[in-house]
Amino acid sequence: MKSNTIISQSMQKFISLIILLLFFTISTAQNRFGNPEVDTNQIQKNFSDWSNYQGKNIMLSRDFTALDLQSKEISKESFLDQLANGNCIPIRLKSEDSKYYYQLFEIEAGSDTSIKATINQIGFDALKNYKMEGTPFPKFLFKDLNGKLVSNESMKGKIIVIKCWYIHCTPCIREFPQVNRLAEEYKNRKDIVFMSLAEDAPEKLKLFLARRPLAYSVIPNMKVYMNEALQLNSFPTHFILNKEGMIAKVLPNFESLEVALRKVSEM
């Protein structure tokens, strides 16, 4: 009996050790990239909290390490596809380095239904933009408000920054001071061109820009081109074209534009 008791106690210790090792292994795997910077359950309680977090902390157009529900590294395309078509929210992880780590977490059953619908749309737009990167920018021959003609051929050998907008787009107008500062920052770079495509007619644009100046050249009557050639459904949208006329980045706001242009201009 004593021998059996000793064996039983040894077995219990062995099982306990295995459990501890498994727990340590799982914890290490989960924490290898860092822990969530917010409570993943609490952030889903209401749409306002999630929307504020998403807007300030998640930029899907930037370069980031993408992680799935099991904390495994996946491609950015797969990550965006799951946001567009799945039941996930992206959360940034705390990390000791300067890199960005975004992980997918399942949307809880009791969460505001608007969260899922909005994430699916954000994911769809981000995935579409991502797939455009590395492809040629559609052929163009534009005339700006000053009568200057620009085309794919005339812009060869230059980095082109393009802002797509229209007069009644509040987010588009709100970032005017920021994009103007960006254009000023690069004004001595003769190999960088700032150009904007606007939906509106020349007369309306001239009246509007007299009150709200834009430091980009402005191409009027671009609604059809933006809808059909670029297939845009979100404004503002920014493009950065490299010197070969390929789309280097497609971006939804100034914050991601500033970082991306710095990288492209240093290549």
C-alpha atoms as a PDB file:
ATOM      1  CA  MET A   1       0.000   0.000   0.000  1.00  0.00           C
ATOM      2  CA  LYS A   2       2.797   2.379   0.883  1.00  0.00           C
ATOM      3  CA  SER A   3       4.483   1.682  -2.444  1.00  0.00           C
ATOM      4  CA  ASN A   4       1.234   2.430  -4.322  1.00  0.00           C
ATOM      5  CA  THR A   5       0.810   5.672  -2.394  1.00  0.00           C
ATOM      6  CA  ILE A   6       4.324   6.788  -3.345  1.00  0.00           C
ATOM      7  CA  ILE A   7       3.667   5.933  -6.999  1.00  0.00           C
ATOM      8  CA  SER A   8       0.373   7.826  -6.895  1.00  0.00           C
ATOM      9  CA  GLN A   9       2.012  10.893  -5.382  1.00  0.00           C
ATOM     10  CA  SER A  10       4.791  10.770  -7.992  1.00  0.00           C
ATOM     11  CA  MET A  11       2.219  10.505 -10.756  1.00  0.00           C
ATOM     12  CA  GLN A  12       0.342  13.528  -9.401  1.00  0.00           C
ATOM     13  CA  LYS A  13       3.557  15.549  -9.286  1.00  0.00           C
ATOM     14  CA  PHE A  14       4.375  14.460 -12.833  1.00  0.00           C
ATOM     15  CA  ILE A  15       0.928  15.464 -14.112  1.00  0.00           C
ATOM     16  CA  SER A  16       1.160  18.803 -12.286  1.00  0.00           C
ATOM     17  CA  LEU A  17       4.539  19.431 -13.878  1.00  0.00           C
ATOM     18  CA  ILE A  18       3.165  18.658 -17.353  1.00  0.00           C
ATOM     19  CA  ILE A  19       0.259  21.063 -16.778  1.00  0.00           C
ATOM     20  CA  LEU A  20       2.633  23.804 -15.664  1.00  0.00           C
ATOM     21  CA  LEU A  21       4.834  23.247 -18.710  1.00  0.00           C
ATOM     22  CA  LEU A  22       1.825  23.381 -21.034  1.00  0.00           C
ATOM     23  CA  PHE A  23       0.587  26.560 -19.366  1.00  0.00           C
ATOM     24  CA  PHE A  24       4.041  28.120 -19.662  1.00  0.00           C
ATOM     25  CA  THR A  25       4.306  27.131 -23.327  1.00  0.00           C
ATOM     26  CA  ILE A  26       0.900  28.573 -24.168  1.00  0.00           C
ATOM     27  CA  SER A  27       1.570  31.767 -22.212  1.00  0.00           C
ATOM     28  CA  THR A  28       4.931  32.203 -23.903  1.00  0.00           C
ATOM     29  CA  ALA A  29       3.388  31.731 -27.335  1.00  0.00           C
ATOM     30  CA  GLN A  30       0.662  34.241 -26.566  1.00  0.00           C
ATOM     31  CA  ASN A  31       3.029  36.830 -25.129  1.00  0.00           C
ATOM     32  CA  ARG A  32       5.899  36.447 -27.606  1.00  0.00           C
ATOM     33  CA  PHE A  33       4.756  39.519 -29.537  1.00  0.00           C
ATOM     34  CA  GLY A  34       3.279  41.365 -26.548  1.00  0.00           C
ATOM     35  CA  ASN A  35      -0.034  41.685 -24.728  1.00  0.00           C
ATOM     36  CA  PRO A  36      -3.121  43.586 -25.952  1.00  0.00           C
ATOM     37  CA  GLU A  37      -2.884  47.295 -25.173  1.00  0.00           C
ATOM     38  CA  VAL A  38      -6.592  47.358 -24.215  1.00  0.00           C
ATOM     39  CA  ASP A  39      -9.067  44.962 -22.637  1.00  0.00           C
ATOM     40  CA  THR A  40     -10.312  43.074 -25.689  1.00  0.00           C
ATOM     41  CA  ASN A  41     -13.715  42.424 -24.118  1.00  0.00           C
ATOM     42  CA  GLN A  42     -14.301  45.868 -22.664  1.00  0.00           C
ATOM     43  CA  ILE A  43     -13.437  47.675 -25.921  1.00  0.00           C
ATOM     44  CA  GLN A  44     -16.366  45.884 -27.593  1.00  0.00           C
ATOM     45  CA  LYS A  45     -19.022  46.971 -25.117  1.00  0.00           C
ATOM     46  CA  ASN A  46     -20.180  49.939 -27.160  1.00  0.00           C
ATOM     47  CA  PHE A  47     -19.559  51.310 -30.631  1.00  0.00           C
ATOM     48  CA  SER A  48     -18.222  54.684 -29.469  1.00  0.00           C
ATOM     49  CA  ASP A  49     -15.388  53.211 -27.364  1.00  0.00           C
ATOM     50  CA  TRP A  50     -14.361  50.832 -30.125  1.00  0.00           C
ATOM     51  CA  SER A  51     -14.569  53.512 -32.841  1.00  0.00           C
ATOM     52  CA  ASN A  52     -12.375  55.924 -30.863  1.00  0.00           C
ATOM     53  CA  TYR A  53      -9.815  53.180 -30.285  1.00  0.00           C
ATOM     54  CA  GLN A  54      -9.861  52.035 -33.910  1.00  0.00           C
ATOM     55  CA  GLY A  55      -9.470  55.555 -35.263  1.00  0.00           C
ATOM     56  CA  LYS A  56      -6.516  56.449 -33.052  1.00  0.00           C
ATOM     57  CA  ASN A  57      -4.604  53.178 -32.755  1.00  0.00           C
ATOM     58  CA  ILE A  58      -5.214  50.989 -35.794  1.00  0.00           C
ATOM     59  CA  MET A  59      -3.859  52.032 -39.204  1.00  0.00           C
ATOM     60  CA  LEU A  60      -4.318  49.146 -41.592  1.00  0.00           C
ATOM     61  CA  SER A  61      -2.404  50.904 -44.367  1.00  0.00           C
ATOM     62  CA  ARG A  62       0.853  50.968 -42.392  1.00  0.00           C
ATOM     63  CA  ASP A  63       3.434  48.192 -42.266  1.00  0.00           C
ATOM     64  CA  PHE A  64       2.674  45.837 -39.371  1.00  0.00           C
ATOM     65  CA  THR A  65       3.169  42.261 -38.212  1.00  0.00           C
ATOM     66  CA  ALA A  66      -0.178  40.482 -38.569  1.00  0.00           C
ATOM     67  CA  LEU A  67      -1.267  37.809 -36.076  1.00  0.00           C
ATOM     68  CA  ASP A  68      -4.282  35.512 -36.199  1.00  0.00           C
ATOM     69  CA  LEU A  69      -6.623  34.423 -33.393  1.00  0.00           C
ATOM     70  CA  GLN A  70      -4.021  31.952 -32.131  1.00  0.00           C
ATOM     71  CA  SER A  71      -1.204  34.550 -32.079  1.00  0.00           C
ATOM     72  CA  LYS A  72       0.433  33.017 -35.154  1.00  0.00           C
ATOM     73  CA  GLU A  73       2.016  35.302 -37.724  1.00  0.00           C
ATOM     74  CA  ILE A  74       0.062  35.507 -40.996  1.00  0.00           C
ATOM     75  CA  SER A  75       0.256  37.567 -44.181  1.00  0.00           C
ATOM     76  CA  LYS A  76      -1.192  41.064 -44.224  1.00  0.00           C
ATOM     77  CA  GLU A  77      -3.540  40.024 -47.025  1.00  0.00           C
ATOM     78  CA  SER A  78      -4.929  37.129 -44.962  1.00  0.00           C
ATOM     79  CA  PHE A  79      -5.326  39.438 -41.966  1.00  0.00           C
ATOM     80  CA  LEU A  80      -7.294  42.010 -43.973  1.00  0.00           C
ATOM     81  CA  ASP A  81      -9.384  39.297 -45.606  1.00  0.00           C
ATOM     82  CA  GLN A  82     -10.464  38.024 -42.183  1.00  0.00           C
ATOM     83  CA  LEU A  83     -11.423  41.562 -41.157  1.00  0.00           C
ATOM     84  CA  ALA A  84     -13.429  42.003 -44.354  1.00  0.00           C
ATOM     85  CA  ASN A  85     -15.223  38.661 -44.235  1.00  0.00           C
ATOM     86  CA  GLY A  86     -14.912  37.292 -40.714  1.00  0.00           C
ATOM     87  CA  ASN A  87     -15.974  38.035 -37.161  1.00  0.00           C
ATOM     88  CA  CYS A  88     -12.809  39.666 -35.829  1.00  0.00           C
ATOM     89  CA  ILE A  89     -11.513  42.956 -34.477  1.00  0.00           C
ATOM     90  CA  PRO A  90      -7.877  44.101 -34.714  1.00  0.00           C
ATOM     91  CA  ILE A  91      -6.054  45.019 -31.518  1.00  0.00           C
ATOM     92  CA  ARG A  92      -2.547  46.420 -31.254  1.00  0.00           C
ATOM     93  CA  LEU A  93      -0.155  44.608 -28.933  1.00  0.00           C
ATOM     94  CA  LYS A  94       2.227  46.306 -26.523  1.00  0.00           C
ATOM     95  CA  SER A  95       5.796  45.690 -27.623  1.00  0.00           C
ATOM     96  CA  GLU A  96       9.266  46.651 -26.496  1.00  0.00           C
ATOM     97  CA  ASP A  97      10.471  47.445 -30.030  1.00  0.00           C
ATOM     98  CA  SER A  98       9.270  50.111 -32.433  1.00  0.00           C
ATOM     99  CA  LYS A  99       7.352  47.704 -34.677  1.00  0.00           C
ATOM    100  CA  TYR A 100       3.580  47.442 -34.884  1.00  0.00           C
ATOM    101  CA  TYR A 101       1.863  44.170 -34.005  1.00  0.00           C
ATOM    102  CA  TYR A 102      -1.841  43.783 -34.757  1.00  0.00           C
ATOM    103  CA  GLN A 103      -3.703  40.677 -33.610  1.00  0.00           C
ATOM    104  CA  LEU A 104      -7.179  39.419 -34.478  1.00  0.00           C
ATOM    105  CA  PHE A 105      -9.627  38.800 -31.625  1.00  0.00           C
ATOM    106  CA  GLU A 106     -13.065  37.296 -31.984  1.00  0.00           C
ATOM    107  CA  ILE A 107     -16.006  39.669 -31.711  1.00  0.00           C
ATOM    108  CA  GLU A 108     -18.005  38.727 -28.617  1.00  0.00           C
ATOM    109  CA  ALA A 109     -21.621  37.604 -28.987  1.00  0.00           C
ATOM    110  CA  GLY A 110     -22.968  40.534 -26.923  1.00  0.00           C
ATOM    111  CA  SER A 111     -21.064  43.247 -28.767  1.00  0.00           C
ATOM    112  CA  ASP A 112     -22.737  46.124 -30.593  1.00  0.00           C
ATOM    113  CA  THR A 113     -23.658  44.746 -34.037  1.00  0.00           C
ATOM    114  CA  SER A 114     -22.502  47.998 -35.647  1.00  0.00           C
ATOM    115  CA  ILE A 115     -18.920  47.094 -34.726  1.00  0.00           C
ATOM    116  CA  LYS A 116     -18.844  44.011 -36.945  1.00  0.00           C
ATOM    117  CA  ALA A 117     -20.531  45.778 -39.857  1.00  0.00           C
ATOM    118  CA  THR A 118     -18.078  48.684 -39.681  1.00  0.00           C
ATOM    119  CA  ILE A 119     -15.022  46.442 -39.349  1.00  0.00           C
ATOM    120  CA  ASN A 120     -16.121  44.392 -42.349  1.00  0.00           C
ATOM    121  CA  GLN A 121     -16.349  47.598 -44.417  1.00  0.00           C
ATOM    122  CA  ILE A 122     -13.013  48.927 -43.132  1.00  0.00           C
ATOM    123  CA  GLY A 123     -11.412  45.562 -43.852  1.00  0.00           C
ATOM    124  CA  PHE A 124     -12.920  45.452 -47.341  1.00  0.00           C
ATOM    125  CA  ASP A 125     -11.562  48.919 -48.202  1.00  0.00           C
ATOM    126  CA  ALA A 126      -8.133  48.164 -46.706  1.00  0.00           C
ATOM    127  CA  LEU A 127      -7.877  44.855 -48.588  1.00  0.00           C
ATOM    128  CA  LYS A 128      -8.835  46.509 -51.890  1.00  0.00           C
ATOM    129  CA  ASN A 129      -6.227  49.234 -51.334  1.00  0.00           C
ATOM    130  CA  TYR A 130      -3.560  46.702 -50.377  1.00  0.00           C
ATOM    131  CA  LYS A 131      -4.160  44.677 -53.560  1.00  0.00           C
ATOM    132  CA  MET A 132      -3.634  47.831 -55.658  1.00  0.00           C
ATOM    133  CA  GLU A 133      -0.132  48.303 -54.271  1.00  0.00           C
ATOM    134  CA  GLY A 134       2.534  47.105 -56.670  1.00  0.00           C
ATOM    135  CA  THR A 135       0.288  47.578 -59.722  1.00  0.00           C
ATOM    136  CA  PRO A 136       0.573  50.289 -62.418  1.00  0.00           C
ATOM    137  CA  PHE A 137      -1.460  53.447 -61.825  1.00  0.00           C
ATOM    138  CA  PRO A 138      -4.191  53.672 -64.515  1.00  0.00           C
ATOM    139  CA  LYS A 139      -3.294  55.643 -67.633  1.00  0.00           C
ATOM    140  CA  PHE A 140      -4.083  59.345 -67.384  1.00  0.00           C
ATOM    141  CA  LEU A 141      -3.886  62.641 -69.212  1.00  0.00           C
ATOM    142  CA  PHE A 142      -5.050  65.412 -66.902  1.00  0.00           C
ATOM    143  CA  LYS A 143      -5.298  69.195 -67.180  1.00  0.00           C
ATOM    144  CA  ASP A 144      -5.079  71.087 -63.889  1.00  0.00           C
ATOM    145  CA  LEU A 145      -6.835  74.350 -62.973  1.00  0.00           C
ATOM    146  CA  ASN A 146      -3.902  76.327 -64.395  1.00  0.00           C
ATOM    147  CA  GLY A 147      -4.148  74.591 -67.769  1.00  0.00           C
ATOM    148  CA  LYS A 148      -1.044  72.435 -67.297  1.00  0.00           C
ATOM    149  CA  LEU A 149      -1.176  68.954 -68.834  1.00  0.00           C
ATOM    150  CA  VAL A 150       0.167  65.975 -66.878  1.00  0.00           C
ATOM    151  CA  SER A 151       0.310  62.337 -67.950  1.00  0.00           C
ATOM    152  CA  ASN A 152       1.935  59.041 -67.054  1.00  0.00           C
ATOM    153  CA  GLU A 153       4.690  59.822 -69.542  1.00  0.00           C
ATOM    154  CA  SER A 154       5.379  63.373 -68.324  1.00  0.00           C
ATOM    155  CA  MET A 155       5.583  62.160 -64.714  1.00  0.00           C
ATOM    156  CA  LYS A 156       8.104  59.366 -65.326  1.00  0.00           C
ATOM    157  CA  GLY A 157      11.066  59.513 -62.995  1.00  0.00           C
ATOM    158  CA  LYS A 158       9.081  61.336 -60.294  1.00  0.00           C
ATOM    159  CA  ILE A 159       7.373  60.282 -57.081  1.00  0.00           C
ATOM    160  CA  ILE A 160       3.754  61.411 -57.321  1.00  0.00           C
ATOM    161  CA  VAL A 161       1.585  62.057 -54.267  1.00  0.00           C
ATOM    162  CA  ILE A 162      -2.107  62.095 -55.201  1.00  0.00           C
ATOM    163  CA  LYS A 163      -4.990  63.227 -52.986  1.00  0.00           C
ATOM    164  CA  CYS A 164      -8.516  62.243 -54.061  1.00  0.00           C
ATOM    165  CA  TRP A 165     -11.258  64.460 -52.655  1.00  0.00           C
ATOM    166  CA  TYR A 166     -14.323  66.635 -53.246  1.00  0.00           C
ATOM    167  CA  ILE A 167     -15.558  69.940 -51.844  1.00  0.00           C
ATOM    168  CA  HIS A 168     -18.256  68.565 -49.530  1.00  0.00           C
ATOM    169  CA  CYS A 169     -16.040  65.861 -47.994  1.00  0.00           C
ATOM    170  CA  THR A 170     -15.444  67.091 -44.430  1.00  0.00           C
ATOM    171  CA  PRO A 171     -12.496  64.735 -43.639  1.00  0.00           C
ATOM    172  CA  CYS A 172     -10.892  65.729 -46.960  1.00  0.00           C
ATOM    173  CA  ILE A 173     -11.003  69.425 -46.102  1.00  0.00           C
ATOM    174  CA  ARG A 174     -10.045  68.935 -42.460  1.00  0.00           C
ATOM    175  CA  GLU A 175      -6.613  67.622 -43.460  1.00  0.00           C
ATOM    176  CA  PHE A 176      -5.796  70.548 -45.804  1.00  0.00           C
ATOM    177  CA  PRO A 177      -3.452  72.234 -43.267  1.00  0.00           C
ATOM    178  CA  GLN A 178      -1.570  68.955 -42.768  1.00  0.00           C
ATOM    179  CA  VAL A 179      -1.134  68.103 -46.437  1.00  0.00           C
ATOM    180  CA  ASN A 180      -0.120  71.700 -47.128  1.00  0.00           C
ATOM    181  CA  ARG A 181       2.625  71.399 -44.524  1.00  0.00           C
ATOM    182  CA  LEU A 182       3.734  68.131 -46.118  1.00  0.00           C
ATOM    183  CA  ALA A 183       3.973  69.748 -49.545  1.00  0.00           C
ATOM    184  CA  GLU A 184       5.974  72.603 -48.002  1.00  0.00           C
ATOM    185  CA  GLU A 185       8.334  70.114 -46.345  1.00  0.00           C
ATOM    186  CA  TYR A 186       9.194  68.539 -49.706  1.00  0.00           C
ATOM    187  CA  LYS A 187       9.095  71.688 -51.865  1.00  0.00           C
ATOM    188  CA  ASN A 188      12.816  71.447 -52.639  1.00  0.00           C
ATOM    189  CA  ARG A 189      12.523  67.866 -53.858  1.00  0.00           C
ATOM    190  CA  LYS A 190      12.167  68.310 -57.606  1.00  0.00           C
ATOM    191  CA  ASP A 191      11.508  64.592 -57.969  1.00  0.00           C
ATOM    192  CA  ILE A 192       8.323  64.714 -55.854  1.00  0.00           C
ATOM    193  CA  VAL A 193       5.043  66.044 -57.274  1.00  0.00           C
ATOM    194  CA  PHE A 194       1.878  66.775 -55.272  1.00  0.00           C
ATOM    195  CA  MET A 195      -1.306  66.456 -57.290  1.00  0.00           C
ATOM    196  CA  SER A 196      -4.983  66.195 -56.343  1.00  0.00           C
ATOM    197  CA  LEU A 197      -7.997  64.771 -58.147  1.00  0.00           C
ATOM    198  CA  ALA A 198     -11.273  66.513 -57.318  1.00  0.00           C
ATOM    199  CA  GLU A 199     -14.819  65.555 -58.306  1.00  0.00           C
ATOM    200  CA  ASP A 200     -15.967  69.161 -58.726  1.00  0.00           C
ATOM    201  CA  ALA A 201     -16.167  71.525 -61.689  1.00  0.00           C
ATOM    202  CA  PRO A 202     -13.391  74.128 -62.240  1.00  0.00           C
ATOM    203  CA  GLU A 203     -15.559  77.141 -61.350  1.00  0.00           C
ATOM    204  CA  LYS A 204     -16.649  75.666 -58.010  1.00  0.00           C
ATOM    205  CA  LEU A 205     -13.103  74.611 -57.174  1.00  0.00           C
ATOM    206  CA  LYS A 206     -11.645  78.051 -57.887  1.00  0.00           C
ATOM    207  CA  LEU A 207     -14.184  79.725 -55.596  1.00  0.00           C
ATOM    208  CA  PHE A 208     -13.647  77.167 -52.859  1.00  0.00           C
ATOM    209  CA  LEU A 209      -9.830  77.167 -53.053  1.00  0.00           C
ATOM    210  CA  ALA A 210      -9.763  80.955 -52.851  1.00  0.00           C
ATOM    211  CA  ARG A 211     -10.993  80.510 -49.258  1.00  0.00           C
ATOM    212  CA  ARG A 212      -9.287  77.197 -48.473  1.00  0.00           C
ATOM    213  CA  PRO A 213      -5.976  77.006 -50.370  1.00  0.00           C
ATOM    214  CA  LEU A 214      -4.468  73.632 -51.269  1.00  0.00           C
ATOM    215  CA  ALA A 215      -0.752  73.403 -52.037  1.00  0.00           C
ATOM    216  CA  TYR A 216      -1.301  70.570 -54.531  1.00  0.00           C
ATOM    217  CA  SER A 217      -2.047  71.062 -58.215  1.00  0.00           C
ATOM    218  CA  VAL A 218      -5.789  70.446 -58.631  1.00  0.00           C
ATOM    219  CA  ILE A 219      -7.374  68.418 -61.428  1.00  0.00           C
ATOM    220  CA  PRO A 220     -11.144  69.099 -61.800  1.00  0.00           C
ATOM    221  CA  ASN A 221     -14.010  66.866 -63.014  1.00  0.00           C
ATOM    222  CA  MET A 222     -12.419  63.623 -61.832  1.00  0.00           C
ATOM    223  CA  LYS A 223     -15.545  61.900 -60.489  1.00  0.00           C
ATOM    224  CA  VAL A 224     -15.856  59.375 -63.328  1.00  0.00           C
ATOM    225  CA  TYR A 225     -12.125  58.603 -63.338  1.00  0.00           C
ATOM    226  CA  MET A 226     -12.054  58.040 -59.584  1.00  0.00           C
ATOM    227  CA  ASN A 227     -15.202  55.891 -59.674  1.00  0.00           C
ATOM    228  CA  GLU A 228     -14.315  53.788 -62.706  1.00  0.00           C
ATOM    229  CA  ALA A 229     -10.526  53.724 -63.118  1.00  0.00           C
ATOM    230  CA  LEU A 230      -9.656  53.836 -59.403  1.00  0.00           C
ATOM    231  CA  GLN A 231     -12.924  52.341 -58.085  1.00  0.00           C
ATOM    232  CA  LEU A 232     -12.882  54.563 -55.018  1.00  0.00           C
ATOM    233  CA  ASN A 233     -15.691  54.502 -52.474  1.00  0.00           C
ATOM    234  CA  SER A 234     -13.913  56.220 -49.586  1.00  0.00           C
ATOM    235  CA  PHE A 235     -12.580  59.791 -49.337  1.00  0.00           C
ATOM    236  CA  PRO A 236     -10.031  61.071 -48.823  1.00  0.00           C
ATOM    237  CA  THR A 237      -7.812  58.462 -50.446  1.00  0.00           C
ATOM    238  CA  HIS A 238      -4.129  59.103 -51.056  1.00  0.00           C
ATOM    239  CA  PHE A 239      -1.842  57.383 -53.562  1.00  0.00           C
ATOM    240  CA  ILE A 240       1.946  57.397 -53.670  1.00  0.00           C
ATOM    241  CA  LEU A 241       3.395  56.402 -57.039  1.00  0.00           C
ATOM    242  CA  ASN A 242       7.050  55.458 -57.348  1.00  0.00           C
ATOM    243  CA  LYS A 243       9.324  56.715 -60.105  1.00  0.00           C
ATOM    244  CA  GLU A 244       8.313  53.812 -62.338  1.00  0.00           C
ATOM    245  CA  GLY A 245       4.636  54.786 -62.173  1.00  0.00           C
ATOM    246  CA  MET A 246       3.695  51.892 -59.918  1.00  0.00           C
ATOM    247  CA  ILE A 247       1.403  52.315 -56.926  1.00  0.00           C
ATOM    248  CA  ALA A 248       3.660  52.175 -53.864  1.00  0.00           C
ATOM    249  CA  LYS A 249       0.960  52.876 -51.246  1.00  0.00           C
ATOM    250  CA  VAL A 250      -2.771  53.533 -51.023  1.00  0.00           C
ATOM    251  CA  LEU A 251      -3.707  55.386 -47.847  1.00  0.00           C
ATOM    252  CA  PRO A 252      -6.903  56.611 -46.155  1.00  0.00           C
ATOM    253  CA  ASN A 253      -5.571  59.586 -44.196  1.00  0.00           C
ATOM    254  CA  PHE A 254      -2.753  62.056 -43.674  1.00  0.00           C
ATOM    255  CA  GLU A 255      -1.249  60.255 -40.667  1.00  0.00           C
ATOM    256  CA  SER A 256      -0.371  57.158 -42.675  1.00  0.00           C
ATOM    257  CA  LEU A 257       0.554  59.254 -45.727  1.00  0.00           C
ATOM    258  CA  GLU A 258       3.266  61.170 -43.907  1.00  0.00           C
ATOM    259  CA  VAL A 259       5.022  57.992 -42.723  1.00  0.00           C
ATOM    260  CA  ALA A 260       4.703  56.220 -46.075  1.00  0.00           C
ATOM    261  CA  LEU A 261       6.044  59.152 -48.108  1.00  0.00           C
ATOM    262  CA  ARG A 262       9.096  59.360 -45.886  1.00  0.00           C
ATOM    263  CA  LYS A 263       9.879  55.703 -46.621  1.00  0.00           C
ATOM    264  CA  VAL A 264       9.264  55.950 -50.372  1.00  0.00           C
ATOM    265  CA  SER A 265      11.261  59.188 -50.702  1.00  0.00           C
ATOM    266  CA  GLU A 266      14.281  57.568 -49.048  1.00  0.00           C
ATOM    267  CA  MET A 267      14.425  54.630 -51.466  1.00  0.00           C
END
